[in-house]
Structure formats: C-alpha cells, structure tokens
N, C-alpha and C. Protein backbone atom coordinates (compact mmCIF):
# COMPACT_ATOMS: atom_id res chain seq x y z
N MET A 1 103.18 84.85 116.13
CA MET A 1 103.27 83.92 115.02
C MET A 1 104.74 83.57 114.79
N SER A 2 104.93 82.39 114.23
CA SER A 2 106.27 81.89 114.00
C SER A 2 106.76 82.26 112.61
N GLU A 3 107.59 81.40 112.08
CA GLU A 3 108.16 81.56 110.76
C GLU A 3 107.06 81.72 109.72
N SER A 4 107.39 82.41 108.63
CA SER A 4 106.39 82.69 107.61
C SER A 4 106.97 82.44 106.23
N TYR A 5 106.10 82.15 105.26
CA TYR A 5 106.54 82.09 103.88
C TYR A 5 106.78 83.50 103.40
N LYS A 6 107.73 83.64 102.47
CA LYS A 6 108.08 84.97 101.96
C LYS A 6 107.23 85.37 100.75
N THR A 7 106.85 84.39 99.94
CA THR A 7 106.12 84.70 98.70
C THR A 7 104.90 83.80 98.56
N GLU A 8 103.98 84.23 97.70
CA GLU A 8 102.80 83.42 97.40
C GLU A 8 103.21 82.10 96.77
N LYS A 9 104.21 82.17 95.88
CA LYS A 9 104.68 80.97 95.19
C LYS A 9 105.20 79.94 96.20
N GLU A 10 105.97 80.40 97.16
CA GLU A 10 106.51 79.52 98.20
C GLU A 10 105.36 78.92 99.04
N LEU A 11 104.38 79.73 99.36
CA LEU A 11 103.23 79.26 100.13
C LEU A 11 102.50 78.15 99.38
N LEU A 12 102.22 78.37 98.10
CA LEU A 12 101.50 77.38 97.30
C LEU A 12 102.33 76.12 97.08
N LYS A 13 103.63 76.29 96.87
CA LYS A 13 104.53 75.16 96.64
C LYS A 13 104.51 74.21 97.84
N ASN A 14 104.45 74.75 99.03
CA ASN A 14 104.50 73.94 100.24
C ASN A 14 103.13 73.57 100.79
N SER A 15 102.06 73.96 100.09
CA SER A 15 100.72 73.74 100.64
C SER A 15 100.36 72.26 100.73
N GLN A 16 100.96 71.43 99.89
CA GLN A 16 100.64 70.00 99.93
C GLN A 16 101.18 69.33 101.19
N LYS A 17 102.35 69.80 101.66
CA LYS A 17 102.93 69.15 102.84
C LYS A 17 102.48 69.80 104.15
N ASP A 18 101.93 70.99 104.07
CA ASP A 18 101.45 71.68 105.28
C ASP A 18 99.99 71.34 105.54
N ASP A 19 99.61 71.37 106.80
CA ASP A 19 98.20 71.32 107.14
C ASP A 19 97.58 72.65 106.71
N TYR A 20 96.30 72.61 106.33
CA TYR A 20 95.61 73.83 105.94
C TYR A 20 95.60 74.80 107.13
N MET A 21 95.97 76.03 106.88
CA MET A 21 96.07 77.09 107.87
C MET A 21 97.08 76.72 108.97
N SER A 22 98.23 76.25 108.51
CA SER A 22 99.35 75.98 109.43
C SER A 22 99.85 77.30 110.00
N ASP A 23 100.69 77.22 111.01
CA ASP A 23 101.25 78.44 111.60
C ASP A 23 101.97 79.28 110.56
N LYS A 24 102.72 78.63 109.65
CA LYS A 24 103.45 79.38 108.62
C LYS A 24 102.49 80.07 107.65
N GLN A 25 101.41 79.39 107.31
CA GLN A 25 100.42 80.00 106.42
C GLN A 25 99.72 81.17 107.10
N LEU A 26 99.33 80.97 108.34
CA LEU A 26 98.66 82.05 109.08
C LEU A 26 99.59 83.24 109.24
N SER A 27 100.86 82.98 109.50
CA SER A 27 101.84 84.06 109.65
C SER A 27 101.98 84.83 108.34
N PHE A 28 102.01 84.10 107.21
CA PHE A 28 102.08 84.75 105.90
C PHE A 28 100.90 85.70 105.71
N PHE A 29 99.70 85.21 105.97
CA PHE A 29 98.51 86.04 105.76
C PHE A 29 98.44 87.19 106.77
N GLU A 30 98.86 86.95 107.99
CA GLU A 30 98.85 88.04 108.97
C GLU A 30 99.82 89.14 108.55
N ASN A 31 101.01 88.77 108.09
CA ASN A 31 101.98 89.77 107.61
C ASN A 31 101.41 90.55 106.43
N ARG A 32 100.79 89.84 105.50
CA ARG A 32 100.21 90.49 104.32
C ARG A 32 99.09 91.45 104.73
N LEU A 33 98.22 91.00 105.61
CA LEU A 33 97.11 91.84 106.05
C LEU A 33 97.60 93.06 106.83
N LYS A 34 98.62 92.88 107.66
CA LYS A 34 99.18 94.03 108.39
C LYS A 34 99.80 95.03 107.43
N HIS A 35 100.45 94.54 106.38
CA HIS A 35 101.01 95.43 105.36
C HIS A 35 99.88 96.19 104.66
N ASP A 36 98.81 95.47 104.30
CA ASP A 36 97.65 96.11 103.67
C ASP A 36 97.03 97.16 104.59
N LYS A 37 96.94 96.84 105.88
CA LYS A 37 96.37 97.77 106.86
C LYS A 37 97.21 99.05 106.93
N ASP A 38 98.52 98.89 107.01
CA ASP A 38 99.40 100.07 107.06
C ASP A 38 99.25 100.93 105.82
N ALA A 39 99.19 100.29 104.65
CA ALA A 39 99.03 101.04 103.40
C ALA A 39 97.70 101.77 103.36
N LEU A 40 96.64 101.13 103.82
CA LEU A 40 95.32 101.78 103.86
C LEU A 40 95.31 102.96 104.82
N LEU A 41 95.90 102.79 105.99
CA LEU A 41 95.95 103.88 106.97
C LEU A 41 96.70 105.09 106.40
N LYS A 42 97.81 104.84 105.71
CA LYS A 42 98.58 105.93 105.10
C LYS A 42 97.77 106.63 104.01
N SER A 43 97.10 105.84 103.19
CA SER A 43 96.31 106.42 102.10
C SER A 43 95.13 107.23 102.63
N ILE A 44 94.45 106.71 103.64
CA ILE A 44 93.33 107.44 104.25
C ILE A 44 93.82 108.74 104.85
N SER A 45 94.93 108.68 105.55
CA SER A 45 95.50 109.88 106.17
C SER A 45 95.89 110.91 105.11
N SER A 46 96.50 110.44 104.03
CA SER A 46 96.91 111.33 102.95
C SER A 46 95.69 112.00 102.29
N SER A 47 94.64 111.22 102.07
CA SER A 47 93.42 111.79 101.47
C SER A 47 92.77 112.81 102.39
N LYS A 48 92.77 112.53 103.68
CA LYS A 48 92.21 113.48 104.64
C LYS A 48 93.03 114.77 104.68
N GLU A 49 94.35 114.63 104.61
CA GLU A 49 95.21 115.82 104.59
C GLU A 49 94.97 116.64 103.34
N GLU A 50 94.78 115.95 102.21
CA GLU A 50 94.53 116.64 100.95
C GLU A 50 93.23 117.44 101.02
N ILE A 51 92.20 116.86 101.62
CA ILE A 51 90.93 117.57 101.78
C ILE A 51 91.11 118.77 102.69
N ALA A 52 91.83 118.59 103.78
CA ALA A 52 92.03 119.67 104.75
C ALA A 52 92.86 120.81 104.17
N MET A 53 93.79 120.49 103.27
CA MET A 53 94.68 121.52 102.73
C MET A 53 94.07 122.28 101.57
N ASP A 54 93.08 121.68 100.90
CA ASP A 54 92.46 122.34 99.76
C ASP A 54 91.79 123.64 100.19
N ASP A 55 92.10 124.70 99.47
CA ASP A 55 91.44 125.98 99.71
C ASP A 55 90.21 126.05 98.81
N ASP A 56 89.15 126.60 99.34
CA ASP A 56 87.94 126.78 98.56
C ASP A 56 88.21 127.88 97.53
N PRO A 57 88.21 127.54 96.24
CA PRO A 57 88.54 128.53 95.21
C PRO A 57 87.46 129.60 95.07
N SER A 58 87.89 130.72 94.52
CA SER A 58 86.98 131.85 94.42
C SER A 58 86.11 131.83 93.17
N ASP A 59 86.62 131.35 92.03
CA ASP A 59 85.76 131.39 90.84
C ASP A 59 84.98 130.08 90.68
N GLU A 60 83.91 130.14 89.88
CA GLU A 60 82.97 129.02 89.78
C GLU A 60 83.58 127.77 89.15
N ILE A 61 84.38 127.93 88.11
CA ILE A 61 84.98 126.78 87.43
C ILE A 61 85.94 126.06 88.37
N ASP A 62 86.80 126.82 89.03
CA ASP A 62 87.70 126.21 90.00
C ASP A 62 86.89 125.59 91.15
N GLY A 63 85.79 126.22 91.50
CA GLY A 63 84.93 125.70 92.57
C GLY A 63 84.34 124.36 92.22
N ALA A 64 83.91 124.19 90.97
CA ALA A 64 83.34 122.92 90.53
C ALA A 64 84.41 121.83 90.54
N THR A 65 85.59 122.16 90.07
CA THR A 65 86.70 121.20 90.08
C THR A 65 87.07 120.84 91.51
N TYR A 66 87.08 121.82 92.36
CA TYR A 66 87.39 121.60 93.78
C TYR A 66 86.37 120.65 94.41
N GLN A 67 85.08 120.89 94.13
CA GLN A 67 84.03 120.04 94.69
C GLN A 67 84.13 118.60 94.17
N GLU A 68 84.42 118.45 92.88
CA GLU A 68 84.58 117.11 92.31
C GLU A 68 85.74 116.38 92.98
N SER A 69 86.84 117.08 93.15
CA SER A 69 88.02 116.49 93.79
C SER A 69 87.71 116.11 95.23
N ARG A 70 87.02 116.97 95.92
CA ARG A 70 86.66 116.71 97.32
C ARG A 70 85.73 115.50 97.43
N ILE A 71 84.73 115.42 96.57
CA ILE A 71 83.80 114.29 96.57
C ILE A 71 84.54 112.99 96.24
N ARG A 72 85.43 113.05 95.26
CA ARG A 72 86.22 111.87 94.88
C ARG A 72 87.07 111.39 96.07
N ASN A 73 87.70 112.32 96.77
CA ASN A 73 88.51 111.97 97.94
C ASN A 73 87.66 111.40 99.07
N LEU A 74 86.48 111.97 99.28
CA LEU A 74 85.59 111.46 100.33
C LEU A 74 85.12 110.04 100.01
N ARG A 75 84.82 109.78 98.74
CA ARG A 75 84.41 108.42 98.33
C ARG A 75 85.57 107.44 98.50
N LEU A 76 86.77 107.89 98.15
CA LEU A 76 87.96 107.05 98.32
C LEU A 76 88.17 106.71 99.79
N ILE A 77 88.04 107.70 100.64
CA ILE A 77 88.19 107.47 102.09
C ILE A 77 87.14 106.48 102.57
N GLU A 78 85.91 106.63 102.10
CA GLU A 78 84.83 105.72 102.51
C GLU A 78 85.12 104.28 102.09
N ARG A 79 85.54 104.09 100.82
CA ARG A 79 85.86 102.74 100.33
C ARG A 79 87.04 102.15 101.10
N GLN A 80 88.07 102.96 101.30
CA GLN A 80 89.25 102.46 102.00
C GLN A 80 88.96 102.16 103.46
N THR A 81 88.09 102.92 104.08
CA THR A 81 87.72 102.66 105.47
C THR A 81 86.95 101.35 105.59
N LYS A 82 86.06 101.08 104.63
CA LYS A 82 85.34 99.80 104.62
C LYS A 82 86.32 98.64 104.46
N LEU A 83 87.28 98.80 103.53
CA LEU A 83 88.27 97.75 103.32
C LEU A 83 89.15 97.58 104.56
N LEU A 84 89.49 98.69 105.21
CA LEU A 84 90.29 98.64 106.44
C LEU A 84 89.58 97.79 107.50
N HIS A 85 88.28 97.97 107.64
CA HIS A 85 87.51 97.18 108.62
C HIS A 85 87.55 95.69 108.26
N LYS A 86 87.46 95.39 106.96
CA LYS A 86 87.53 93.99 106.53
C LYS A 86 88.91 93.40 106.83
N VAL A 87 89.95 94.19 106.61
CA VAL A 87 91.32 93.73 106.90
C VAL A 87 91.48 93.48 108.39
N GLU A 88 91.00 94.41 109.21
CA GLU A 88 91.08 94.24 110.67
C GLU A 88 90.29 93.01 111.13
N ASP A 89 89.13 92.79 110.51
CA ASP A 89 88.33 91.61 110.85
C ASP A 89 89.08 90.33 110.48
N ALA A 90 89.76 90.34 109.33
CA ALA A 90 90.53 89.16 108.91
C ALA A 90 91.67 88.87 109.89
N ILE A 91 92.34 89.92 110.36
CA ILE A 91 93.40 89.74 111.36
C ILE A 91 92.81 89.15 112.64
N ASP A 92 91.65 89.65 113.03
CA ASP A 92 90.98 89.09 114.22
C ASP A 92 90.64 87.61 114.02
N ARG A 93 90.21 87.25 112.79
CA ARG A 93 89.88 85.84 112.51
C ARG A 93 91.13 84.96 112.57
N ILE A 94 92.28 85.51 112.21
CA ILE A 94 93.52 84.74 112.34
C ILE A 94 93.75 84.41 113.81
N HIS A 95 93.58 85.40 114.66
CA HIS A 95 93.82 85.21 116.09
C HIS A 95 92.78 84.30 116.74
N SER A 96 91.57 84.27 116.20
CA SER A 96 90.51 83.44 116.80
C SER A 96 90.47 82.03 116.21
N GLY A 97 91.26 81.79 115.16
CA GLY A 97 91.29 80.47 114.54
C GLY A 97 90.22 80.26 113.48
N GLU A 98 89.52 81.31 113.09
CA GLU A 98 88.44 81.21 112.10
C GLU A 98 88.91 81.54 110.68
N PHE A 99 90.10 82.12 110.54
CA PHE A 99 90.59 82.56 109.24
C PHE A 99 90.76 81.37 108.29
N GLY A 100 90.30 81.56 107.06
CA GLY A 100 90.48 80.54 106.05
C GLY A 100 89.32 79.56 105.94
N PHE A 101 88.33 79.72 106.81
CA PHE A 101 87.18 78.83 106.80
C PHE A 101 85.91 79.62 106.52
N CYS A 102 85.05 79.06 105.68
CA CYS A 102 83.81 79.70 105.26
C CYS A 102 82.90 79.95 106.46
N SER A 103 82.43 81.17 106.58
CA SER A 103 81.56 81.52 107.71
C SER A 103 80.17 80.89 107.59
N LYS A 104 79.79 80.44 106.39
CA LYS A 104 78.48 79.81 106.19
C LYS A 104 78.54 78.29 106.36
N THR A 105 79.58 77.67 105.78
CA THR A 105 79.64 76.21 105.74
C THR A 105 80.69 75.60 106.65
N GLY A 106 81.67 76.40 107.05
CA GLY A 106 82.77 75.87 107.85
C GLY A 106 83.84 75.18 107.02
N GLU A 107 83.62 75.08 105.71
CA GLU A 107 84.58 74.44 104.82
C GLU A 107 85.78 75.37 104.57
N GLU A 108 86.87 74.78 104.08
CA GLU A 108 88.06 75.57 103.74
C GLU A 108 87.72 76.52 102.59
N ILE A 109 88.18 77.76 102.72
CA ILE A 109 88.01 78.73 101.63
C ILE A 109 88.99 78.41 100.51
N GLY A 110 90.19 78.00 100.87
CA GLY A 110 91.21 77.63 99.89
C GLY A 110 92.27 78.71 99.74
N LEU A 111 93.52 78.26 99.61
CA LEU A 111 94.63 79.20 99.50
C LEU A 111 94.54 80.10 98.27
N PRO A 112 94.21 79.57 97.08
CA PRO A 112 94.15 80.48 95.92
C PRO A 112 93.16 81.63 96.12
N ARG A 113 91.99 81.34 96.68
CA ARG A 113 91.00 82.40 96.92
C ARG A 113 91.51 83.39 97.96
N LEU A 114 92.14 82.89 99.02
CA LEU A 114 92.65 83.78 100.07
C LEU A 114 93.81 84.63 99.56
N LEU A 115 94.60 84.08 98.64
CA LEU A 115 95.68 84.88 98.05
C LEU A 115 95.10 86.00 97.20
N ALA A 116 94.01 85.71 96.49
CA ALA A 116 93.36 86.73 95.66
C ALA A 116 92.60 87.74 96.51
N ARG A 117 91.98 87.26 97.60
CA ARG A 117 91.17 88.12 98.46
C ARG A 117 91.33 87.65 99.90
N PRO A 118 92.37 88.14 100.58
CA PRO A 118 92.63 87.65 101.95
C PRO A 118 91.55 88.02 102.97
N THR A 119 90.64 88.90 102.60
CA THR A 119 89.55 89.27 103.51
C THR A 119 88.31 88.39 103.31
N ALA A 120 88.40 87.42 102.40
CA ALA A 120 87.24 86.56 102.08
C ALA A 120 86.76 85.82 103.32
N THR A 121 85.45 85.78 103.47
CA THR A 121 84.85 85.02 104.58
C THR A 121 84.00 83.87 104.06
N LEU A 122 83.82 83.81 102.74
CA LEU A 122 83.00 82.76 102.14
C LEU A 122 83.82 81.98 101.11
N SER A 123 83.55 80.69 101.01
CA SER A 123 84.15 79.89 99.94
C SER A 123 83.56 80.37 98.62
N ILE A 124 84.18 79.97 97.53
CA ILE A 124 83.67 80.38 96.21
C ILE A 124 82.24 79.89 96.04
N GLU A 125 81.98 78.65 96.43
CA GLU A 125 80.64 78.08 96.28
C GLU A 125 79.61 78.86 97.10
N ALA A 126 79.95 79.17 98.35
CA ALA A 126 79.02 79.92 99.21
C ALA A 126 78.80 81.33 98.67
N LYS A 127 79.85 81.95 98.14
CA LYS A 127 79.74 83.30 97.57
C LYS A 127 78.85 83.28 96.33
N GLU A 128 79.05 82.28 95.47
CA GLU A 128 78.22 82.17 94.27
C GLU A 128 76.76 81.93 94.64
N SER A 129 76.53 81.11 95.65
CA SER A 129 75.17 80.86 96.12
C SER A 129 74.54 82.14 96.66
N GLN A 130 75.31 82.90 97.43
CA GLN A 130 74.82 84.18 97.97
C GLN A 130 74.47 85.14 96.85
N GLU A 131 75.35 85.26 95.84
CA GLU A 131 75.11 86.17 94.73
C GLU A 131 73.90 85.72 93.91
N SER A 132 73.75 84.42 93.72
CA SER A 132 72.60 83.89 92.99
C SER A 132 71.31 84.21 93.73
N HIS A 133 71.32 84.04 95.03
CA HIS A 133 70.15 84.36 95.86
C HIS A 133 69.82 85.86 95.78
N GLU A 134 70.87 86.70 95.82
CA GLU A 134 70.65 88.15 95.73
C GLU A 134 70.06 88.54 94.39
N ARG A 135 70.54 87.90 93.30
CA ARG A 135 70.00 88.19 91.96
C ARG A 135 68.54 87.76 91.87
N THR A 136 68.22 86.60 92.46
CA THR A 136 66.85 86.10 92.44
C THR A 136 65.92 87.05 93.18
N GLU A 137 66.36 87.55 94.31
CA GLU A 137 65.53 88.48 95.08
C GLU A 137 65.39 89.83 94.39
N ALA A 138 66.38 90.21 93.59
CA ALA A 138 66.33 91.50 92.89
C ALA A 138 65.37 91.45 91.71
N ASP A 139 65.12 90.26 91.19
CA ASP A 139 64.24 90.13 90.02
C ASP A 139 62.80 90.28 90.35
C-alpha cells in the first residue's frame, strides 16, 4: 500500500476529492486493522498467560474467586479471538478489493460506518434489514 491518511479527520476531510476506497483510504484502514490485530494478539496472549500462571487456591472462597476469574478470562479470550478473525477477514477483503462494499448489495458501506466499525461487511441498511428479519423470526 502507498501513502496513508494519518487521522480519521484527515480521511473524512479528503473523502470528497478521493474516489471511494482509494489507495490512501485502503492504506489507512489496513494500518488501523493491523494495529487492532496486534493489540488483540497481545491481549489474548496476556490473558492466556494469566490463566496459566494462576495457582489453584486451597480454600473454597479463594477457589470460587479463582474460578470466576478464570471463566472471565476464558470468555474474554473467546470474544477477542472472534474479533481477531473479523479483523483478519477485513484485511483479506482489503487485499481482494472487497473492503468497504456491502457483501449483500455490493453498495458502498460508507466511510463513517467503516471508521466506527472497520470490520463491517454490511451497509447500515442491509444490517438493519438483517436485524429486522432476525427479530421477525424470533417472534
């Protein structure tokens, strides 16, 4: 990737003169996603180390606290691992040319939505439609 915008503000300011998903925009999102990926990998590793280092306490009260802490860390690892996969998928979509476009409609997802959720694969309209359909089926 080539030159990149440094801030979200700079990206949005120049969005009118740039083509949607220009090289500079893609580079911005790729850098952001790689930063997110590194942070997730560090956090997952730290949580795993914390679980491995915890000693099983001998008394019942400490044991209950230990189990709660362990379960909380396992849930955190699970959530972060799911997010890590979404981040990696988004990086793959940048390389394949699919990033920034709705997987259902092919329409632009939009810079504001991607800045809020760079792993988004659906436009706001498609996401709302999906959620509405899910609510209807749940009723």
